[in-house]
């Protein structure tokens, strides 16, 4: 937590406090165990995992946006961090240019004609 105005607390998510990475084939069994712990079906497709002290504590399916987490290990904000990372990767896949992503965030997406004129 950080204070911006005296007496008012603002939540700040520590986005770099945990390792977030794409799942690999070596993560298949830990992901099955994580799904069982959270009482959910295992995730499929492109999956991001978040580690706490070297152990997979949460994961998100980039395709279905479904999350699973170990309630005893994952801090409550960890699935939010995973969603933010998945959203960032999706934005980059749509538009790899940082300048264009920033312009889109401020002004909205450009039409194909506008993009052709900008090139």
C-alpha atoms as a PDB file:
ATOM      1  CA  UNK A   1       0.000   0.000   0.000  1.00  0.00           C
ATOM      2  CA  UNK A   2       1.067   3.534  -0.624  1.00  0.00           C
ATOM      3  CA  UNK A   3      -0.380   6.834   0.493  1.00  0.00           C
ATOM      4  CA  UNK A   4      -1.032   9.492  -2.152  1.00  0.00           C
ATOM      5  CA  UNK A   5      -3.234  11.738  -0.039  1.00  0.00           C
ATOM      6  CA  UNK A   6      -2.909  11.895   3.720  1.00  0.00           C
ATOM      7  CA  UNK A   7      -5.248   9.325   5.232  1.00  0.00           C
ATOM      8  CA  UNK A   8      -6.147   7.694   1.873  1.00  0.00           C
ATOM      9  CA  UNK A   9      -4.535   4.377   0.989  1.00  0.00           C
ATOM     10  CA  UNK A  10      -4.141   3.252  -2.624  1.00  0.00           C
ATOM     11  CA  UNK A  11      -3.432  -0.341  -3.517  1.00  0.00           C
ATOM     12  CA  UNK A  12      -0.326  -0.862  -5.640  1.00  0.00           C
ATOM     13  CA  UNK A  13       0.132  -4.310  -7.165  1.00  0.00           C
ATOM     14  CA  UNK A  14       3.745  -5.502  -7.060  1.00  0.00           C
ATOM     15  CA  UNK A  15       3.795  -6.579 -10.728  1.00  0.00           C
ATOM     16  CA  UNK A  16       7.410  -7.759 -10.577  1.00  0.00           C
ATOM     17  CA  UNK A  17       7.259  -9.492  -7.188  1.00  0.00           C
ATOM     18  CA  UNK A  18       6.553 -12.907  -8.738  1.00  0.00           C
ATOM     19  CA  UNK A  19       7.920 -14.757 -11.734  1.00  0.00           C
ATOM     20  CA  UNK A  20       5.272 -14.892 -14.479  1.00  0.00           C
ATOM     21  CA  UNK A  21       6.133 -17.021 -17.494  1.00  0.00           C
ATOM     22  CA  UNK A  22       4.609 -19.177 -20.216  1.00  0.00           C
ATOM     23  CA  UNK A  23       3.937 -22.744 -19.116  1.00  0.00           C
ATOM     24  CA  UNK A  24       6.086 -25.481 -20.641  1.00  0.00           C
ATOM     25  CA  UNK A  25       5.589 -29.223 -21.039  1.00  0.00           C
ATOM     26  CA  UNK A  26       7.451 -29.666 -17.734  1.00  0.00           C
ATOM     27  CA  UNK A  27       4.627 -27.770 -15.995  1.00  0.00           C
ATOM     28  CA  UNK A  28       1.883 -30.228 -17.019  1.00  0.00           C
ATOM     29  CA  UNK A  29       1.861 -32.200 -13.760  1.00  0.00           C
ATOM     30  CA  UNK A  30       2.153 -29.171 -11.432  1.00  0.00           C
ATOM     31  CA  UNK A  31      -0.714 -27.544 -13.384  1.00  0.00           C
ATOM     32  CA  UNK A  32      -2.876 -30.662 -12.945  1.00  0.00           C
ATOM     33  CA  UNK A  33      -2.118 -30.629  -9.210  1.00  0.00           C
ATOM     34  CA  UNK A  34      -2.910 -26.892  -9.040  1.00  0.00           C
ATOM     35  CA  UNK A  35      -6.250 -27.475 -10.765  1.00  0.00           C
ATOM     36  CA  UNK A  36      -7.072 -30.242  -8.289  1.00  0.00           C
ATOM     37  CA  UNK A  37      -6.156 -27.959  -5.348  1.00  0.00           C
ATOM     38  CA  UNK A  38      -8.440 -25.234  -6.660  1.00  0.00           C
ATOM     39  CA  UNK A  39     -11.228 -27.687  -7.472  1.00  0.00           C
ATOM     40  CA  UNK A  40     -11.211 -26.774 -11.166  1.00  0.00           C
ATOM     41  CA  UNK A  41     -10.601 -28.437 -14.507  1.00  0.00           C
ATOM     42  CA  UNK A  42      -6.997 -28.275 -15.734  1.00  0.00           C
ATOM     43  CA  UNK A  43      -6.182 -25.392 -18.071  1.00  0.00           C
ATOM     44  CA  UNK A  44      -5.544 -26.057 -21.750  1.00  0.00           C
ATOM     45  CA  UNK A  45      -3.953 -24.122 -24.599  1.00  0.00           C
ATOM     46  CA  UNK A  46      -1.596 -21.220 -24.037  1.00  0.00           C
ATOM     47  CA  UNK A  47      -1.069 -20.904 -20.289  1.00  0.00           C
ATOM     48  CA  UNK A  48       0.831 -18.389 -18.161  1.00  0.00           C
ATOM     49  CA  UNK A  49       1.998 -19.436 -14.704  1.00  0.00           C
ATOM     50  CA  UNK A  50       2.987 -17.368 -11.673  1.00  0.00           C
ATOM     51  CA  UNK A  51       5.467 -18.715  -9.174  1.00  0.00           C
ATOM     52  CA  UNK A  52       5.726 -18.038  -5.455  1.00  0.00           C
ATOM     53  CA  UNK A  53       9.076 -19.079  -3.979  1.00  0.00           C
ATOM     54  CA  UNK A  54       9.761 -21.275  -7.021  1.00  0.00           C
ATOM     55  CA  UNK A  55       6.400 -23.107  -6.924  1.00  0.00           C
ATOM     56  CA  UNK A  56       3.558 -22.570  -9.403  1.00  0.00           C
ATOM     57  CA  UNK A  57       0.877 -20.857  -7.328  1.00  0.00           C
ATOM     58  CA  UNK A  58      -1.498 -19.590 -10.025  1.00  0.00           C
ATOM     59  CA  UNK A  59      -2.110 -19.882 -13.748  1.00  0.00           C
ATOM     60  CA  UNK A  60      -4.290 -18.403 -16.481  1.00  0.00           C
ATOM     61  CA  UNK A  61      -5.413 -19.751 -19.818  1.00  0.00           C
ATOM     62  CA  UNK A  62      -4.629 -17.025 -22.354  1.00  0.00           C
ATOM     63  CA  UNK A  63      -7.288 -18.433 -24.663  1.00  0.00           C
ATOM     64  CA  UNK A  64     -10.165 -18.889 -22.209  1.00  0.00           C
ATOM     65  CA  UNK A  65      -8.998 -16.334 -19.572  1.00  0.00           C
ATOM     66  CA  UNK A  66      -9.830 -18.847 -16.843  1.00  0.00           C
ATOM     67  CA  UNK A  67      -7.580 -18.758 -13.763  1.00  0.00           C
ATOM     68  CA  UNK A  68      -6.679 -21.303 -11.119  1.00  0.00           C
ATOM     69  CA  UNK A  69      -4.737 -20.679  -7.923  1.00  0.00           C
ATOM     70  CA  UNK A  70      -3.535 -22.433  -4.801  1.00  0.00           C
ATOM     71  CA  UNK A  71      -5.526 -20.659  -2.064  1.00  0.00           C
ATOM     72  CA  UNK A  72      -2.856 -21.423   0.542  1.00  0.00           C
ATOM     73  CA  UNK A  73       0.099 -20.173  -1.513  1.00  0.00           C
ATOM     74  CA  UNK A  74      -1.101 -17.488  -3.929  1.00  0.00           C
ATOM     75  CA  UNK A  75      -1.638 -13.954  -2.633  1.00  0.00           C
ATOM     76  CA  UNK A  76      -5.096 -12.632  -3.587  1.00  0.00           C
ATOM     77  CA  UNK A  77      -3.659 -10.229  -6.202  1.00  0.00           C
ATOM     78  CA  UNK A  78      -1.719 -12.898  -8.124  1.00  0.00           C
ATOM     79  CA  UNK A  79      -4.536 -13.760 -10.540  1.00  0.00           C
ATOM     80  CA  UNK A  80      -4.931 -10.024 -11.252  1.00  0.00           C
ATOM     81  CA  UNK A  81      -1.252  -9.839 -12.186  1.00  0.00           C
ATOM     82  CA  UNK A  82      -1.732 -12.834 -14.486  1.00  0.00           C
ATOM     83  CA  UNK A  83      -4.742 -11.173 -16.156  1.00  0.00           C
ATOM     84  CA  UNK A  84      -2.756  -7.958 -16.672  1.00  0.00           C
ATOM     85  CA  UNK A  85       0.155  -9.892 -18.217  1.00  0.00           C
ATOM     86  CA  UNK A  86      -2.205 -11.869 -20.483  1.00  0.00           C
ATOM     87  CA  UNK A  87      -3.857  -8.599 -21.578  1.00  0.00           C
ATOM     88  CA  UNK A  88      -0.444  -7.059 -22.313  1.00  0.00           C
ATOM     89  CA  UNK A  89       0.580 -10.054 -24.413  1.00  0.00           C
ATOM     90  CA  UNK A  90      -2.728  -9.908 -26.303  1.00  0.00           C
ATOM     91  CA  UNK A  91      -2.225  -6.170 -26.975  1.00  0.00           C
ATOM     92  CA  UNK A  92       1.276  -6.822 -28.280  1.00  0.00           C
ATOM     93  CA  UNK A  93      -0.003  -9.614 -30.536  1.00  0.00           C
ATOM     94  CA  UNK A  94      -2.645  -7.257 -31.980  1.00  0.00           C
ATOM     95  CA  UNK A  95      -0.239  -4.352 -32.434  1.00  0.00           C
ATOM     96  CA  UNK A  96       3.499  -4.889 -31.853  1.00  0.00           C
ATOM     97  CA  UNK A  97       4.289  -1.163 -32.173  1.00  0.00           C
ATOM     98  CA  UNK A  98       4.478   0.502 -28.748  1.00  0.00           C
ATOM     99  CA  UNK A  99       3.685   3.907 -30.256  1.00  0.00           C
ATOM    100  CA  UNK A 100       0.577   2.538 -31.978  1.00  0.00           C
ATOM    101  CA  UNK A 101      -0.583   0.767 -28.778  1.00  0.00           C
ATOM    102  CA  UNK A 102      -0.229   4.006 -26.817  1.00  0.00           C
ATOM    103  CA  UNK A 103      -2.053   5.954 -29.533  1.00  0.00           C
ATOM    104  CA  UNK A 104      -4.847   3.352 -29.534  1.00  0.00           C
ATOM    105  CA  UNK A 105      -5.157   3.517 -25.754  1.00  0.00           C
ATOM    106  CA  UNK A 106      -5.592   7.297 -25.899  1.00  0.00           C
ATOM    107  CA  UNK A 107      -7.509   7.834 -29.148  1.00  0.00           C
ATOM    108  CA  UNK A 108      -9.086   4.480 -29.895  1.00  0.00           C
ATOM    109  CA  UNK A 109      -8.207   2.128 -32.744  1.00  0.00           C
ATOM    110  CA  UNK A 110      -7.453   3.562 -36.189  1.00  0.00           C
ATOM    111  CA  UNK A 111      -9.195   2.410 -39.363  1.00  0.00           C
ATOM    112  CA  UNK A 112      -7.210   0.480 -41.998  1.00  0.00           C
ATOM    113  CA  UNK A 113      -7.210   3.600 -44.206  1.00  0.00           C
ATOM    114  CA  UNK A 114      -5.675   5.719 -41.429  1.00  0.00           C
ATOM    115  CA  UNK A 115      -3.011   3.074 -40.813  1.00  0.00           C
ATOM    116  CA  UNK A 116      -2.122   3.007 -44.529  1.00  0.00           C
ATOM    117  CA  UNK A 117      -1.725   6.814 -44.559  1.00  0.00           C
ATOM    118  CA  UNK A 118       0.486   6.688 -41.461  1.00  0.00           C
ATOM    119  CA  UNK A 119       2.853   4.167 -43.083  1.00  0.00           C
END
